[in-house]
C-alpha atoms as a PDB file:
ATOM      1  CA  MET A   1     150.346  46.463 113.702  1.00  0.00           C
ATOM      2  CA  LYS A   2     153.505  48.035 114.839  1.00  0.00           C
ATOM      3  CA  LYS A   3     152.383  51.365 115.175  1.00  0.00           C
ATOM      4  CA  ILE A   4     149.290  50.233 117.592  1.00  0.00           C
ATOM      5  CA  PHE A   5     151.978  48.232 119.700  1.00  0.00           C
ATOM      6  CA  PHE A   6     154.670  51.104 119.745  1.00  0.00           C
ATOM      7  CA  GLY A   7     151.315  53.276 120.697  1.00  0.00           C
ATOM      8  CA  MET A   8     150.238  51.012 123.416  1.00  0.00           C
ATOM      9  CA  MET A   9     153.865  51.067 124.887  1.00  0.00           C
ATOM     10  CA  ALA A  10     154.472  55.377 124.542  1.00  0.00           C
ATOM     11  CA  VAL A  11     150.508  55.505 126.291  1.00  0.00           C
ATOM     12  CA  MET A  12     152.315  52.812 129.186  1.00  0.00           C
ATOM     13  CA  ALA A  13     155.475  54.622 129.879  1.00  0.00           C
ATOM     14  CA  VAL A  14     153.935  57.959 129.733  1.00  0.00           C
ATOM     15  CA  VAL A  15     151.762  56.817 132.761  1.00  0.00           C
ATOM     16  CA  MET A  16     154.284  55.012 134.751  1.00  0.00           C
ATOM     17  CA  LEU A  17     156.678  57.837 134.314  1.00  0.00           C
ATOM     18  CA  SER A  18     153.879  60.173 135.644  1.00  0.00           C
ATOM     19  CA  SER A  19     152.941  58.064 138.511  1.00  0.00           C
ATOM     20  CA  CYS A  20     156.619  58.016 139.725  1.00  0.00           C
ATOM     21  CA  ASP A  21     157.457  61.607 140.716  1.00  0.00           C
ATOM     22  CA  THR A  22     153.022  62.385 141.754  1.00  0.00           C
ATOM     23  CA  LYS A  23     150.291  61.735 144.019  1.00  0.00           C
ATOM     24  CA  LEU A  24     146.482  61.622 143.041  1.00  0.00           C
ATOM     25  CA  CYS A  25     144.081  63.964 144.657  1.00  0.00           C
ATOM     26  CA  TYR A  26     140.543  63.418 144.222  1.00  0.00           C
ATOM     27  CA  CYS A  27     138.737  67.146 143.183  1.00  0.00           C
ATOM     28  CA  TYR A  28     134.899  67.155 143.129  1.00  0.00           C
ATOM     29  CA  GLU A  29     132.679  69.850 141.441  1.00  0.00           C
ATOM     30  CA  ASN A  30     129.134  69.866 140.767  1.00  0.00           C
ATOM     31  CA  GLY A  31     128.976  66.142 141.638  1.00  0.00           C
ATOM     32  CA  TYR A  32     131.400  65.081 139.739  1.00  0.00           C
ATOM     33  CA  GLU A  33     135.067  63.601 140.545  1.00  0.00           C
ATOM     34  CA  GLN A  34     137.870  64.155 138.663  1.00  0.00           C
ATOM     35  CA  THR A  35     141.500  62.992 139.184  1.00  0.00           C
ATOM     36  CA  VAL A  36     144.986  65.671 139.693  1.00  0.00           C
ATOM     37  CA  TYR A  37     148.313  64.581 139.621  1.00  0.00           C
ATOM     38  CA  VAL A  38     150.379  66.734 141.930  1.00  0.00           C
ATOM     39  CA  ASN A  39     153.525  66.761 143.843  1.00  0.00           C
ATOM     40  CA  PRO A  40     154.047  64.545 146.347  1.00  0.00           C
ATOM     41  CA  ASP A  41     154.762  67.148 148.889  1.00  0.00           C
ATOM     42  CA  THR A  42     151.711  69.430 147.781  1.00  0.00           C
ATOM     43  CA  PRO A  43     148.456  68.803 149.974  1.00  0.00           C
ATOM     44  CA  CYS A  44     145.622  68.150 148.041  1.00  0.00           C
ATOM     45  CA  ASN A  45     143.145  70.604 150.008  1.00  0.00           C
ATOM     46  CA  SER A  46     145.913  73.293 148.307  1.00  0.00           C
ATOM     47  CA  MET A  47     144.421  72.519 144.776  1.00  0.00           C
ATOM     48  CA  THR A  48     140.635  73.621 146.132  1.00  0.00           C
ATOM     49  CA  ARG A  49     139.417  76.623 144.026  1.00  0.00           C
ATOM     50  CA  GLY A  50     135.703  78.073 143.994  1.00  0.00           C
ATOM     51  CA  GLU A  51     133.584  75.331 143.808  1.00  0.00           C
ATOM     52  CA  ARG A  52     135.554  72.534 143.033  1.00  0.00           C
ATOM     53  CA  GLY A  53     136.919  71.134 146.500  1.00  0.00           C
ATOM     54  CA  CYS A  54     139.944  68.448 146.540  1.00  0.00           C
ATOM     55  CA  VAL A  55     141.096  65.484 148.981  1.00  0.00           C
ATOM     56  CA  GLU A  56     143.367  63.142 149.904  1.00  0.00           C
ATOM     57  CA  GLN A  57     143.323  59.346 148.572  1.00  0.00           C
ATOM     58  CA  ASN A  58     142.186  58.360 151.819  1.00  0.00           C
ATOM     59  CA  GLU A  59     139.168  61.057 152.213  1.00  0.00           C
ATOM     60  CA  ARG A  60     138.165  59.675 148.758  1.00  0.00           C
ATOM     61  CA  MET A  61     134.004  59.922 149.189  1.00  0.00           C
ATOM     62  CA  ASP A  62     130.954  59.052 146.517  1.00  0.00           C
ATOM     63  CA  PRO A  63     130.166  61.724 144.320  1.00  0.00           C
ATOM     64  CA  ASN A  64     126.929  61.093 144.686  1.00  0.00           C
ATOM     65  CA  ASP A  65     127.203  62.159 148.435  1.00  0.00           C
ATOM     66  CA  VAL A  66     128.782  65.725 147.481  1.00  0.00           C
ATOM     67  CA  ALA A  67     126.093  68.336 147.294  1.00  0.00           C
ATOM     68  CA  LYS A  68     124.800  69.293 143.643  1.00  0.00           C
ATOM     69  CA  LYS A  69     124.496  73.108 143.100  1.00  0.00           C
ATOM     70  CA  PRO A  70     120.762  73.746 141.895  1.00  0.00           C
ATOM     71  CA  ALA A  71     120.092  74.749 138.308  1.00  0.00           C
ATOM     72  CA  LEU A  72     118.514  77.817 137.441  1.00  0.00           C
END
């Protein structure tokens, strides 16, 4: 029981510390949404690569509205 408690506390600590100096970006690729943490002064669109597009939190969209690449 103690291992579970301390494990949960460790996970919570990591999440809390990682959110202090980062911001959340939303990236879309093949109709799926992914989250990426970046430095607060880094624009989310700088994380855009190839077929993956990234936006700020206030620009977040429904992944179903993103065009999907047709299957070959």
